Every structure is written in structure tokens, then in C-alpha cells.
C-alpha atoms as a PDB file:
ATOM      1  CA  MET A   1     -27.793  14.198 -14.437  1.00  0.00           C
ATOM      2  CA  LYS A   2     -26.927  14.950 -10.814  1.00  0.00           C
ATOM      3  CA  PHE A   3     -23.325  16.008 -10.230  1.00  0.00           C
ATOM      4  CA  ILE A   4     -21.132  16.120  -7.169  1.00  0.00           C
ATOM      5  CA  LEU A   5     -18.549  18.646  -6.053  1.00  0.00           C
ATOM      6  CA  CYS A   6     -14.952  17.690  -5.431  1.00  0.00           C
ATOM      7  CA  TYR A   7     -13.497  18.721  -2.105  1.00  0.00           C
ATOM      8  CA  VAL A   8      -9.926  18.221  -0.995  1.00  0.00           C
ATOM      9  CA  THR A   9      -9.177  17.596   2.656  1.00  0.00           C
ATOM     10  CA  LYS A  10      -5.395  17.789   2.407  1.00  0.00           C
ATOM     11  CA  THR A  11      -2.551  18.120  -0.065  1.00  0.00           C
ATOM     12  CA  ASP A  12      -2.271  15.044  -2.210  1.00  0.00           C
ATOM     13  CA  SER A  13       1.322  14.202  -3.113  1.00  0.00           C
ATOM     14  CA  HIS A  14       0.130  11.643  -5.675  1.00  0.00           C
ATOM     15  CA  GLY A  15      -1.773  14.208  -7.700  1.00  0.00           C
ATOM     16  CA  GLY A  16      -4.972  12.265  -7.115  1.00  0.00           C
ATOM     17  CA  ALA A  17      -6.992  15.361  -6.244  1.00  0.00           C
ATOM     18  CA  ASN A  18      -6.226  16.983  -9.611  1.00  0.00           C
ATOM     19  CA  ILE A  19      -7.053  13.760 -11.460  1.00  0.00           C
ATOM     20  CA  ILE A  20     -10.412  13.329  -9.789  1.00  0.00           C
ATOM     21  CA  LYS A  21     -11.272  17.025 -10.163  1.00  0.00           C
ATOM     22  CA  LYS A  22     -10.541  16.854 -13.879  1.00  0.00           C
ATOM     23  CA  LEU A  23     -12.620  13.700 -14.180  1.00  0.00           C
ATOM     24  CA  LEU A  24     -15.628  15.354 -12.535  1.00  0.00           C
ATOM     25  CA  GLU A  25     -15.288  18.498 -14.617  1.00  0.00           C
ATOM     26  CA  TYR A  26     -15.231  16.465 -17.824  1.00  0.00           C
ATOM     27  CA  LEU A  27     -18.128  14.325 -16.617  1.00  0.00           C
ATOM     28  CA  LYS A  28     -20.215  17.455 -16.063  1.00  0.00           C
ATOM     29  CA  GLN A  29     -19.691  18.406 -19.711  1.00  0.00           C
ATOM     30  CA  THR A  30     -20.725  15.067 -21.164  1.00  0.00           C
ATOM     31  CA  HIS A  31     -23.948  14.651 -23.108  1.00  0.00           C
ATOM     32  CA  PRO A  32     -26.027  11.431 -22.794  1.00  0.00           C
ATOM     33  CA  ASP A  33     -24.969  10.551 -26.356  1.00  0.00           C
ATOM     34  CA  ASP A  34     -21.319  10.846 -25.338  1.00  0.00           C
ATOM     35  CA  LEU A  35     -21.883   8.282 -22.610  1.00  0.00           C
ATOM     36  CA  LYS A  36     -23.883   6.095 -24.995  1.00  0.00           C
ATOM     37  CA  VAL A  37     -20.914   5.939 -27.369  1.00  0.00           C
ATOM     38  CA  LEU A  38     -18.549   5.363 -24.451  1.00  0.00           C
ATOM     39  CA  ARG A  39     -20.623   2.440 -23.167  1.00  0.00           C
ATOM     40  CA  THR A  40     -20.724   1.002 -26.682  1.00  0.00           C
ATOM     41  CA  ILE A  41     -16.932   1.049 -26.897  1.00  0.00           C
ATOM     42  CA  GLU A  42     -16.817  -0.645 -23.496  1.00  0.00           C
ATOM     43  CA  LEU A  43     -19.088  -3.406 -24.756  1.00  0.00           C
ATOM     44  CA  LEU A  44     -17.187  -3.927 -28.008  1.00  0.00           C
ATOM     45  CA  MET A  45     -13.840  -4.112 -26.213  1.00  0.00           C
ATOM     46  CA  ARG A  46     -14.827  -7.635 -25.288  1.00  0.00           C
ATOM     47  CA  TYR A  47     -14.036  -8.520 -28.896  1.00  0.00           C
ATOM     48  CA  HIS A  48     -11.543  -5.870 -30.023  1.00  0.00           C
ATOM     49  CA  GLU A  49      -8.378  -4.389 -28.586  1.00  0.00           C
ATOM     50  CA  TRP A  50      -9.120  -1.324 -30.735  1.00  0.00           C
ATOM     51  CA  VAL A  51     -12.776  -0.920 -31.707  1.00  0.00           C
ATOM     52  CA  PRO A  52     -13.232   0.108 -35.377  1.00  0.00           C
ATOM     53  CA  VAL A  53     -15.392   3.181 -36.003  1.00  0.00           C
ATOM     54  CA  ASP A  54     -17.755   1.285 -38.305  1.00  0.00           C
ATOM     55  CA  GLU A  55     -18.416  -1.224 -35.499  1.00  0.00           C
ATOM     56  CA  ILE A  56     -19.257   1.626 -33.122  1.00  0.00           C
ATOM     57  CA  VAL A  57     -21.614   3.190 -35.679  1.00  0.00           C
ATOM     58  CA  ARG A  58     -23.339  -0.125 -36.300  1.00  0.00           C
ATOM     59  CA  LYS A  59     -23.807  -0.920 -32.638  1.00  0.00           C
ATOM     60  CA  VAL A  60     -24.775   2.523 -31.354  1.00  0.00           C
ATOM     61  CA  LYS A  61     -27.270   3.086 -34.193  1.00  0.00           C
ATOM     62  CA  MET A  62     -26.382   6.742 -34.677  1.00  0.00           C
ATOM     63  CA  ASP A  63     -25.378   8.681 -37.782  1.00  0.00           C
ATOM     64  CA  GLU A  64     -21.669   8.304 -38.526  1.00  0.00           C
ATOM     65  CA  LYS A  65     -21.145  12.061 -38.427  1.00  0.00           C
ATOM     66  CA  ASP A  66     -22.693  12.214 -34.943  1.00  0.00           C
ATOM     67  CA  VAL A  67     -20.560   9.297 -33.758  1.00  0.00           C
ATOM     68  CA  LEU A  68     -17.378  10.967 -35.012  1.00  0.00           C
ATOM     69  CA  TYR A  69     -18.387  14.164 -33.201  1.00  0.00           C
ATOM     70  CA  ARG A  70     -18.949  12.232 -29.956  1.00  0.00           C
ATOM     71  CA  LEU A  71     -15.636  10.421 -30.375  1.00  0.00           C
ATOM     72  CA  LYS A  72     -13.845  13.737 -30.798  1.00  0.00           C
ATOM     73  CA  ARG A  73     -15.386  14.994 -27.557  1.00  0.00           C
ATOM     74  CA  LEU A  74     -14.542  11.795 -25.696  1.00  0.00           C
ATOM     75  CA  ASN A  75     -10.962  12.050 -26.910  1.00  0.00           C
ATOM     76  CA  LYS A  76     -10.815  15.638 -25.697  1.00  0.00           C
ATOM     77  CA  PHE A  77     -12.082  14.511 -22.278  1.00  0.00           C
ATOM     78  CA  GLU A  78      -9.374  11.790 -22.269  1.00  0.00           C
ATOM     79  CA  PHE A  79     -12.084   9.136 -21.900  1.00  0.00           C
ATOM     80  CA  VAL A  80     -10.836   7.217 -24.955  1.00  0.00           C
ATOM     81  CA  ASN A  81      -7.543   6.449 -26.643  1.00  0.00           C
ATOM     82  CA  ARG A  82      -7.322   6.646 -30.421  1.00  0.00           C
ATOM     83  CA  SER A  83      -5.170   4.848 -32.982  1.00  0.00           C
ATOM     84  CA  ARG A  84      -5.362   4.145 -36.696  1.00  0.00           C
ATOM     85  CA  TYR A  85      -7.161   0.902 -35.793  1.00  0.00           C
ATOM     86  CA  GLY A  86      -9.978   2.558 -33.862  1.00  0.00           C
ATOM     87  CA  TYR A  87     -10.812   3.540 -30.298  1.00  0.00           C
ATOM     88  CA  ARG A  88     -10.661   2.034 -26.841  1.00  0.00           C
ATOM     89  CA  LEU A  89     -11.567   3.226 -23.358  1.00  0.00           C
ATOM     90  CA  SER A  90      -8.887   4.843 -21.265  1.00  0.00           C
ATOM     91  CA  PHE A  91      -8.885   4.286 -17.526  1.00  0.00           C
ATOM     92  CA  GLY A  92     -10.290   7.804 -17.289  1.00  0.00           C
ATOM     93  CA  GLY A  93     -13.221   6.732 -19.427  1.00  0.00           C
ATOM     94  CA  TYR A  94     -13.768   3.637 -17.309  1.00  0.00           C
ATOM     95  CA  ASP A  95     -13.612   5.797 -14.167  1.00  0.00           C
ATOM     96  CA  ALA A  96     -16.201   8.106 -15.719  1.00  0.00           C
ATOM     97  CA  LEU A  97     -18.631   5.257 -16.451  1.00  0.00           C
ATOM     98  CA  ALA A  98     -18.342   3.864 -12.926  1.00  0.00           C
ATOM     99  CA  MET A  99     -18.626   7.315 -11.358  1.00  0.00           C
ATOM    100  CA  ASN A 100     -21.646   8.136 -13.505  1.00  0.00           C
ATOM    101  CA  ALA A 101     -23.352   4.945 -12.301  1.00  0.00           C
ATOM    102  CA  PHE A 102     -22.741   5.850  -8.636  1.00  0.00           C
ATOM    103  CA  ILE A 103     -24.014   9.394  -9.221  1.00  0.00           C
ATOM    104  CA  LYS A 104     -27.176   8.152 -10.927  1.00  0.00           C
ATOM    105  CA  LYS A 105     -27.828   5.911  -7.919  1.00  0.00           C
ATOM    106  CA  GLY A 106     -27.512   8.917  -5.620  1.00  0.00           C
ATOM    107  CA  LEU A 107     -24.707   7.354  -3.582  1.00  0.00           C
ATOM    108  CA  ILE A 108     -21.900   9.922  -3.538  1.00  0.00           C
ATOM    109  CA  LYS A 109     -22.173  13.490  -2.272  1.00  0.00           C
ATOM    110  CA  ALA A 110     -18.530  14.602  -2.432  1.00  0.00           C
ATOM    111  CA  ILE A 111     -15.033  13.297  -3.118  1.00  0.00           C
ATOM    112  CA  GLY A 112     -11.917  14.137  -1.139  1.00  0.00           C
ATOM    113  CA  GLY A 113      -8.206  13.509  -1.409  1.00  0.00           C
ATOM    114  CA  LYS A 114      -6.461  10.362  -2.508  1.00  0.00           C
ATOM    115  CA  LEU A 115      -5.511   7.930   0.252  1.00  0.00           C
ATOM    116  CA  GLY A 116      -2.078   6.361   0.376  1.00  0.00           C
ATOM    117  CA  VAL A 117      -3.450   2.823   0.787  1.00  0.00           C
ATOM    118  CA  GLY A 118      -4.274   0.026  -1.618  1.00  0.00           C
ATOM    119  CA  LYS A 119      -1.489  -1.168  -3.900  1.00  0.00           C
ATOM    120  CA  GLU A 120      -3.828  -2.411  -6.628  1.00  0.00           C
ATOM    121  CA  GLY A 121      -5.667   0.801  -7.415  1.00  0.00           C
ATOM    122  CA  ASP A 122      -6.523   4.406  -6.615  1.00  0.00           C
ATOM    123  CA  VAL A 123      -8.366   5.013  -3.341  1.00  0.00           C
ATOM    124  CA  TYR A 124     -10.201   8.235  -2.421  1.00  0.00           C
ATOM    125  CA  ASN A 125     -12.034   9.593   0.606  1.00  0.00           C
ATOM    126  CA  ILE A 126     -15.706  10.193  -0.182  1.00  0.00           C
ATOM    127  CA  LEU A 127     -18.841  11.430   1.543  1.00  0.00           C
ATOM    128  CA  LEU A 128     -22.026   9.479   0.925  1.00  0.00           C
ATOM    129  CA  GLU A 129     -25.440  11.065   0.458  1.00  0.00           C
ATOM    130  CA  ASP A 130     -26.520   9.691   3.850  1.00  0.00           C
ATOM    131  CA  GLY A 131     -23.686  11.611   5.537  1.00  0.00           C
ATOM    132  CA  ARG A 132     -21.358   8.670   6.138  1.00  0.00           C
ATOM    133  CA  GLU A 133     -17.671   8.884   5.316  1.00  0.00           C
ATOM    134  CA  ALA A 134     -16.422   6.104   3.056  1.00  0.00           C
ATOM    135  CA  VAL A 135     -13.756   5.287   0.477  1.00  0.00           C
ATOM    136  CA  LEU A 136     -13.905   4.782  -3.268  1.00  0.00           C
ATOM    137  CA  LYS A 137     -11.432   2.327  -4.774  1.00  0.00           C
ATOM    138  CA  PHE A 138     -10.707   2.064  -8.494  1.00  0.00           C
ATOM    139  CA  HIS A 139      -8.986  -1.221  -9.365  1.00  0.00           C
ATOM    140  CA  LYS A 140      -6.422  -0.603 -12.091  1.00  0.00           C
ATOM    141  CA  HIS A 141      -4.439  -3.358 -13.733  1.00  0.00           C
ATOM    142  CA  GLY A 142      -1.992  -2.689 -16.524  1.00  0.00           C
ATOM    143  CA  ARG A 143      -0.760  -5.418 -18.822  1.00  0.00           C
ATOM    144  CA  THR A 144       2.257  -6.247 -16.625  1.00  0.00           C
ATOM    145  CA  CYS A 145       0.121  -6.634 -13.524  1.00  0.00           C
ATOM    146  CA  PHE A 146      -2.389  -8.733 -15.459  1.00  0.00           C
ATOM    147  CA  THR A 147       0.288 -11.102 -16.741  1.00  0.00           C
ATOM    148  CA  ARG A 148       1.593 -11.609 -13.213  1.00  0.00           C
ATOM    149  CA  GLY A 149      -1.850 -11.991 -11.685  1.00  0.00           C
ATOM    150  CA  LYS A 150      -3.171 -14.387 -14.304  1.00  0.00           C
ATOM    151  CA  ARG A 151      -0.878 -17.096 -12.980  1.00  0.00           C
ATOM    152  CA  TYR A 152      -2.713 -17.429  -9.675  1.00  0.00           C
ATOM    153  CA  ARG A 153      -6.172 -15.890  -9.921  1.00  0.00           C
ATOM    154  CA  ASP A 154      -8.640 -18.659 -10.599  1.00  0.00           C
ATOM    155  CA  TYR A 155     -11.347 -16.248 -11.663  1.00  0.00           C
ATOM    156  CA  ILE A 156      -9.162 -14.929 -14.499  1.00  0.00           C
ATOM    157  CA  VAL A 157      -7.169 -17.864 -15.844  1.00  0.00           C
ATOM    158  CA  ASP A 158     -10.018 -19.335 -17.879  1.00  0.00           C
ATOM    159  CA  LYS A 159     -10.562 -16.147 -19.919  1.00  0.00           C
ATOM    160  CA  ARG A 160      -9.003 -16.426 -23.380  1.00  0.00           C
ATOM    161  CA  HIS A 161      -9.537 -12.907 -24.644  1.00  0.00           C
ATOM    162  CA  ILE A 162      -9.471 -10.342 -21.885  1.00  0.00           C
ATOM    163  CA  SER A 163      -8.644  -6.642 -21.791  1.00  0.00           C
ATOM    164  CA  TRP A 164      -6.923  -4.940 -18.892  1.00  0.00           C
ATOM    165  CA  LEU A 165     -10.134  -2.965 -18.233  1.00  0.00           C
ATOM    166  CA  TYR A 166     -12.123  -6.174 -18.014  1.00  0.00           C
ATOM    167  CA  THR A 167      -9.480  -7.654 -15.712  1.00  0.00           C
ATOM    168  CA  SER A 168      -9.899  -4.684 -13.389  1.00  0.00           C
ATOM    169  CA  ARG A 169     -13.667  -5.211 -13.295  1.00  0.00           C
ATOM    170  CA  LEU A 170     -13.300  -8.907 -12.514  1.00  0.00           C
ATOM    171  CA  THR A 171     -10.876  -8.039  -9.721  1.00  0.00           C
ATOM    172  CA  ALA A 172     -13.276  -5.505  -8.221  1.00  0.00           C
ATOM    173  CA  GLU A 173     -16.149  -7.983  -8.416  1.00  0.00           C
ATOM    174  CA  ARG A 174     -14.001 -10.605  -6.719  1.00  0.00           C
ATOM    175  CA  GLU A 175     -12.968  -8.299  -3.873  1.00  0.00           C
ATOM    176  CA  PHE A 176     -16.539  -7.084  -3.348  1.00  0.00           C
ATOM    177  CA  GLU A 177     -17.792 -10.680  -3.235  1.00  0.00           C
ATOM    178  CA  ILE A 178     -15.178 -11.665  -0.651  1.00  0.00           C
ATOM    179  CA  LEU A 179     -15.792  -8.609   1.531  1.00  0.00           C
ATOM    180  CA  ASN A 180     -19.494  -9.478   1.568  1.00  0.00           C
ATOM    181  CA  GLU A 181     -18.600 -12.978   2.738  1.00  0.00           C
ATOM    182  CA  LEU A 182     -16.246 -11.766   5.488  1.00  0.00           C
ATOM    183  CA  PHE A 183     -17.872  -8.584   6.815  1.00  0.00           C
ATOM    184  CA  PRO A 184     -18.618  -7.985   9.691  1.00  0.00           C
ATOM    185  CA  ILE A 185     -17.193 -11.189  11.203  1.00  0.00           C
ATOM    186  CA  VAL A 186     -13.657 -10.433  10.029  1.00  0.00           C
ATOM    187  CA  LYS A 187     -12.078  -6.990  10.423  1.00  0.00           C
ATOM    188  CA  VAL A 188     -12.335  -5.901   6.790  1.00  0.00           C
ATOM    189  CA  PRO A 189     -13.800  -2.765   5.163  1.00  0.00           C
ATOM    190  CA  GLU A 190     -17.593  -2.721   4.873  1.00  0.00           C
ATOM    191  CA  PRO A 191     -18.657  -3.412   1.254  1.00  0.00           C
ATOM    192  CA  ILE A 192     -21.245  -0.827   0.163  1.00  0.00           C
ATOM    193  CA  GLU A 193     -21.507  -0.814  -3.646  1.00  0.00           C
ATOM    194  CA  GLN A 194     -19.601  -1.986  -6.713  1.00  0.00           C
ATOM    195  CA  ASN A 195     -19.712  -0.962 -10.365  1.00  0.00           C
ATOM    196  CA  ARG A 196     -17.273  -2.034 -13.066  1.00  0.00           C
ATOM    197  CA  HIS A 197     -13.757  -1.701 -11.567  1.00  0.00           C
ATOM    198  CA  ALA A 198     -14.846   0.494  -8.653  1.00  0.00           C
ATOM    199  CA  ILE A 199     -15.887  -0.352  -5.097  1.00  0.00           C
ATOM    200  CA  ILE A 200     -17.374   1.861  -2.404  1.00  0.00           C
ATOM    201  CA  MET A 201     -16.322   0.664   1.047  1.00  0.00           C
ATOM    202  CA  GLY A 202     -16.812   1.843   4.606  1.00  0.00           C
ATOM    203  CA  LYS A 203     -14.424   4.409   6.050  1.00  0.00           C
ATOM    204  CA  ILE A 204     -10.862   3.133   6.451  1.00  0.00           C
ATOM    205  CA  CYS A 205      -8.875   4.672   9.300  1.00  0.00           C
ATOM    206  CA  GLY A 206      -5.228   4.307  10.195  1.00  0.00           C
ATOM    207  CA  ASP A 207      -1.806   3.846   8.648  1.00  0.00           C
ATOM    208  CA  GLU A 208      -0.071   0.800   7.267  1.00  0.00           C
ATOM    209  CA  LEU A 209       1.300  -1.348  10.088  1.00  0.00           C
ATOM    210  CA  LYS A 210       4.676  -1.075   8.363  1.00  0.00           C
ATOM    211  CA  ARG A 211       4.758   2.676   9.043  1.00  0.00           C
ATOM    212  CA  VAL A 212       3.708   2.532  12.703  1.00  0.00           C
ATOM    213  CA  ASP A 213       5.820   2.157  15.842  1.00  0.00           C
ATOM    214  CA  LEU A 214       3.611   0.148  18.183  1.00  0.00           C
ATOM    215  CA  GLU A 215       5.644   1.118  21.251  1.00  0.00           C
ATOM    216  CA  GLU A 216       5.224   4.835  20.522  1.00  0.00           C
ATOM    217  CA  LEU A 217       1.553   4.206  19.870  1.00  0.00           C
ATOM    218  CA  GLY A 218       1.212   2.453  23.216  1.00  0.00           C
ATOM    219  CA  VAL A 219      -0.143  -0.736  21.631  1.00  0.00           C
ATOM    220  CA  ASP A 220       0.549  -4.157  23.146  1.00  0.00           C
ATOM    221  CA  ALA A 221       2.410  -5.862  20.293  1.00  0.00           C
ATOM    222  CA  ASN A 222       1.764  -9.379  21.618  1.00  0.00           C
ATOM    223  CA  LYS A 223      -1.976  -8.762  21.877  1.00  0.00           C
ATOM    224  CA  LEU A 224      -2.070  -7.234  18.391  1.00  0.00           C
ATOM    225  CA  PHE A 225      -0.168 -10.213  16.987  1.00  0.00           C
ATOM    226  CA  TRP A 226      -2.684 -12.681  18.356  1.00  0.00           C
ATOM    227  CA  ASP A 227      -5.610 -10.474  17.327  1.00  0.00           C
ATOM    228  CA  ILE A 228      -4.339 -10.612  13.735  1.00  0.00           C
ATOM    229  CA  ILE A 229      -3.916 -14.392  13.947  1.00  0.00           C
ATOM    230  CA  GLU A 230      -7.518 -14.631  15.157  1.00  0.00           C
ATOM    231  CA  GLU A 231      -8.696 -12.659  12.099  1.00  0.00           C
ATOM    232  CA  ILE A 232      -6.743 -15.039   9.860  1.00  0.00           C
ATOM    233  CA  LYS A 233      -8.440 -17.925  11.650  1.00  0.00           C
ATOM    234  CA  LYS A 234     -11.933 -16.421  11.312  1.00  0.00           C
ATOM    235  CA  SER A 235     -11.336 -15.774   7.629  1.00  0.00           C
ATOM    236  CA  TYR A 236     -10.177 -19.368   7.186  1.00  0.00           C
ATOM    237  CA  GLU A 237     -13.281 -20.678   8.950  1.00  0.00           C
ATOM    238  CA  LEU A 238     -15.369 -18.676   6.465  1.00  0.00           C
ATOM    239  CA  GLY A 239     -13.513 -20.313   3.598  1.00  0.00           C
ATOM    240  CA  TYR A 240     -10.929 -17.696   2.581  1.00  0.00           C
ATOM    241  CA  ILE A 241      -7.176 -17.121   2.815  1.00  0.00           C
ATOM    242  CA  HIS A 242      -5.958 -13.571   2.147  1.00  0.00           C
ATOM    243  CA  GLY A 243      -3.078 -14.800   0.010  1.00  0.00           C
ATOM    244  CA  ASP A 244      -0.955 -11.653   0.186  1.00  0.00           C
ATOM    245  CA  LEU A 245      -1.112 -10.622   3.839  1.00  0.00           C
ATOM    246  CA  SER A 246       1.681  -8.451   5.213  1.00  0.00           C
ATOM    247  CA  GLU A 247       2.336  -5.308   7.233  1.00  0.00           C
ATOM    248  CA  PHE A 248       1.453  -3.300   4.122  1.00  0.00           C
ATOM    249  CA  ASN A 249      -2.240  -4.236   4.046  1.00  0.00           C
ATOM    250  CA  ILE A 250      -3.001  -4.152   7.751  1.00  0.00           C
ATOM    251  CA  LEU A 251      -4.095  -0.642   8.732  1.00  0.00           C
ATOM    252  CA  ILE A 252      -3.997   0.419  12.374  1.00  0.00           C
ATOM    253  CA  ASP A 253      -5.265   3.612  14.015  1.00  0.00           C
ATOM    254  CA  GLU A 254      -4.057   5.512  17.094  1.00  0.00           C
ATOM    255  CA  ASN A 255      -6.299   3.415  19.336  1.00  0.00           C
ATOM    256  CA  GLY A 256      -4.873   0.122  18.148  1.00  0.00           C
ATOM    257  CA  ASN A 257      -7.907  -0.790  16.050  1.00  0.00           C
ATOM    258  CA  PHE A 258      -6.987  -2.472  12.790  1.00  0.00           C
ATOM    259  CA  VAL A 259      -8.507  -3.571   9.499  1.00  0.00           C
ATOM    260  CA  ILE A 260      -7.184  -5.921   6.814  1.00  0.00           C
ATOM    261  CA  ILE A 261      -7.463  -4.582   3.259  1.00  0.00           C
ATOM    262  CA  ASP A 262      -6.755  -5.718  -0.342  1.00  0.00           C
ATOM    263  CA  TRP A 263      -8.623  -9.021  -0.737  1.00  0.00           C
ATOM    264  CA  PRO A 264      -8.984  -9.617  -4.518  1.00  0.00           C
ATOM    265  CA  GLN A 265      -6.177 -12.191  -4.612  1.00  0.00           C
ATOM    266  CA  ALA A 266      -7.711 -14.265  -1.780  1.00  0.00           C
ATOM    267  CA  VAL A 267      -8.004 -18.010  -2.376  1.00  0.00           C
ATOM    268  CA  ASN A 268     -10.550 -20.494  -1.138  1.00  0.00           C
ATOM    269  CA  THR A 269      -9.501 -22.922   1.583  1.00  0.00           C
ATOM    270  CA  CYS A 270     -10.098 -25.776  -0.879  1.00  0.00           C
ATOM    271  CA  HIS A 271      -7.525 -24.336  -3.326  1.00  0.00           C
ATOM    272  CA  PRO A 272      -4.744 -26.835  -4.204  1.00  0.00           C
ATOM    273  CA  ASP A 273      -2.147 -24.369  -2.884  1.00  0.00           C
ATOM    274  CA  ALA A 274      -4.161 -23.257   0.154  1.00  0.00           C
ATOM    275  CA  GLU A 275      -1.518 -24.487   2.597  1.00  0.00           C
ATOM    276  CA  PHE A 276       1.215 -22.561   0.793  1.00  0.00           C
ATOM    277  CA  TYR A 277      -0.738 -19.277   0.793  1.00  0.00           C
ATOM    278  CA  LEU A 278      -1.874 -19.599   4.395  1.00  0.00           C
ATOM    279  CA  LYS A 279       1.608 -20.404   5.661  1.00  0.00           C
ATOM    280  CA  ARG A 280       2.987 -17.501   3.663  1.00  0.00           C
ATOM    281  CA  ASP A 281       0.430 -15.121   5.229  1.00  0.00           C
ATOM    282  CA  ILE A 282       1.210 -16.397   8.720  1.00  0.00           C
ATOM    283  CA  GLY A 283       4.936 -16.303   7.997  1.00  0.00           C
ATOM    284  CA  ASN A 284       4.755 -12.646   6.934  1.00  0.00           C
ATOM    285  CA  VAL A 285       3.004 -11.726  10.186  1.00  0.00           C
ATOM    286  CA  VAL A 286       5.505 -13.736  12.261  1.00  0.00           C
ATOM    287  CA  ARG A 287       8.428 -12.137  10.418  1.00  0.00           C
ATOM    288  CA  TYR A 288       7.145  -8.618  11.025  1.00  0.00           C
ATOM    289  CA  PHE A 289       6.505  -9.098  14.746  1.00  0.00           C
ATOM    290  CA  LYS A 290       9.996 -10.454  15.370  1.00  0.00           C
ATOM    291  CA  LYS A 291      11.061  -6.820  15.713  1.00  0.00           C
ATOM    292  CA  TYR A 292       8.918  -6.733  18.867  1.00  0.00           C
ATOM    293  CA  LYS A 293      10.626  -9.901  20.177  1.00  0.00           C
ATOM    294  CA  ILE A 294       7.606 -12.082  19.458  1.00  0.00           C
ATOM    295  CA  LYS A 295       8.669 -15.530  18.284  1.00  0.00           C
ATOM    296  CA  GLU A 296       6.111 -18.063  17.156  1.00  0.00           C
ATOM    297  CA  ASP A 297       6.341 -21.161  14.998  1.00  0.00           C
ATOM    298  CA  VAL A 298       4.617 -20.883  11.619  1.00  0.00           C
ATOM    299  CA  ASP A 299       3.706 -24.580  11.465  1.00  0.00           C
ATOM    300  CA  LYS A 300       2.117 -24.533  14.915  1.00  0.00           C
ATOM    301  CA  LEU A 301       0.159 -21.390  14.039  1.00  0.00           C
ATOM    302  CA  TYR A 302      -0.946 -23.070  10.821  1.00  0.00           C
ATOM    303  CA  GLU A 303      -2.252 -26.014  12.834  1.00  0.00           C
ATOM    304  CA  TYR A 304      -4.030 -23.608  15.188  1.00  0.00           C
ATOM    305  CA  VAL A 305      -5.683 -21.660  12.360  1.00  0.00           C
ATOM    306  CA  THR A 306      -6.799 -24.782  10.492  1.00  0.00           C
ATOM    307  CA  ASN A 307      -7.675 -26.833  13.605  1.00  0.00           C
ATOM    308  CA  LYS A 308      -5.476 -29.520  12.090  1.00  0.00           C
ATOM    309  CA  ASN A 309      -4.647 -31.099  15.464  1.00  0.00           C
ATOM    310  CA  LYS A 310      -8.310 -31.157  16.461  1.00  0.00           C
ATOM    311  CA  ASN A 311      -9.248 -32.769  13.151  1.00  0.00           C
ATOM    312  CA  GLU A 312      -6.608 -35.457  13.662  1.00  0.00           C
ATOM    313  CA  GLU A 313      -7.872 -36.082  17.204  1.00  0.00           C
ATOM    314  CA  ASP A 314     -11.429 -36.438  15.870  1.00  0.00           C
ATOM    315  CA  LYS A 315     -10.203 -38.981  13.266  1.00  0.00           C
ATOM    316  CA  ASN A 316      -8.425 -40.996  15.961  1.00  0.00           C
ATOM    317  CA  GLU A 317     -11.484 -40.902  18.215  1.00  0.00           C
ATOM    318  CA  TRP A 318     -13.706 -42.310  15.472  1.00  0.00           C
ATOM    319  CA  GLY A 319     -11.103 -44.882  14.464  1.00  0.00           C
END
């Protein structure tokens, strides 16, 4: 197996650098049979919250003594959790499987510090094998987050038995799919690769809009406001509404360039509650820019984004 080195570009207050370094060190020590057992547990977690040892032995087709040895190693690496009922993957184990897949594909050359962006997962700076800088995002949903999200995510609500690891993978798949639909027309991160709950995206520059003073930055607030509205409009024309847009998931750099992140909760424009989500997105942008004395009507902006007035005019024209 080909391994990568971990490099740290700056101090990470979240402890992300230590976590990723430990993950890579453990991954270097794994044997192919360790990963075989780990993948088997992943597969069986579709049917079990805790996978019994005899099920693992049956599925992996290895001697029970060998399986127990591999399980002991995986537990030492913190890739699995153990109980009297059996074993299940930890998020560390899921990270390891996704990272191993990226390494085998020859995608990642090095990993840097953890970025302070992305409320739904851990995000790291990375260097790709082709020399490009990018980011690696691990979607991570605990049971509380899953319960909240299940109420409004159409791609999850029809799943009867679902683990929090599987939820994270579905979320990553959903975000990757949407980014592919929007990029490069809408200002979103470039989707590069996805595996399990992890996504590799193009380099993300800037700070959350919430943390930036546009006047100090020398950015025309009115122009930025309308630029963001135009991105909302372009996204709508492509069939998607962000659904959770605010100053926390708009990143802006020192030159005034911005990108909109965190798209897994996006809804289609044909969603029954599309109007509610779109007006909420627009309303959040309007609310934030009031501090720069920009006052716009949410309903009128909604009509502009959806071309509602134009559609009504077309109906009248055709009788």
C-alpha cells in the first residue's frame, strides 16, 4: 500500500492535526486482513447495530482465531467499538476506509491542518498528487443530528434501518451529486472525488462572511449582496435551493471572491416546501446585509429569483 505523510501548516485549535496524524499512523500499521475484517463489519452494519463475531467469521471466511486477532488490532487502532453484543465501526474506522480508498487511487499526496469551516463534518487542507491544493471533508452525523436531519432530507426519510455511518455516507453522496450539478456555473467548491462519507473538493479560500468586516476589507457590500442573490438565482435555475444559506456558509477572501459551501441539505425546486426554503435563504442574506444599510424585500427578491413575474406575464400573454 502507498502511504502519505501528514504535514501541518499551522496550529490547529480543534486538535484535528493530531487526530489525522494518529489515523495515518494506524493506517500504516494495518494489514490487508485487518482492512478485510473492517470492510466486512461495514457491510454487516446494514443489518446490525452491533455485528456479532460469528457473523463476521462467517462472512469474512477466515479462521475464528485469525478474526479475533484482527479485531483486537482494529480495537487497538480505535477503528472499531466493542460491546458484549459484538463490534461496529467507529468514525475513525470509517475515516480509515475512505482514506485507504483515496490512497489506493493515488489521489492524495499530503494532509495539512484542519479548517474551521463546514458545520457538518471535519474539513482538512490536502495536497493532491498532481500538485493542486484541495480540501478533504468527512461528513459526520451522530444520532442527534440524524434525528433532526431525517425530518427534511428526502434522500434519508425512506430508510427504515439506517446507521449513523450510513447516514454520513448518504449525505456525502448527496452533496457530491449536487456540487457536480452546480459547478462551475454556481460559485461552489469543485467536486473532485467521493468515497463513503468523505469528499475531496477544490481549494476553499476565505473566512466565513459572518467573521469579516466588508468595510475593512474594502468590499462593496451592495455589489456583494447582489452577487450572492445572482448565485441563488443560478442555483435555482439549475433546480436546487441551498436550504440552509446564511453568513456562516458563505466564504469570502481578501479580494472579495466568495464561494457557497455546505450543500447536502439542498432541496429540489419541485419540493413541496421549496418556497419556504428559498425565502428563508433569501431572508437570511437580507437580514445579514441590513448591517450595511442594505434593505431589500424578501418577496420581491423571491419573485426575481424564480422569475415569478415573468411567468405570470407569459401566462397572461397566452391567455
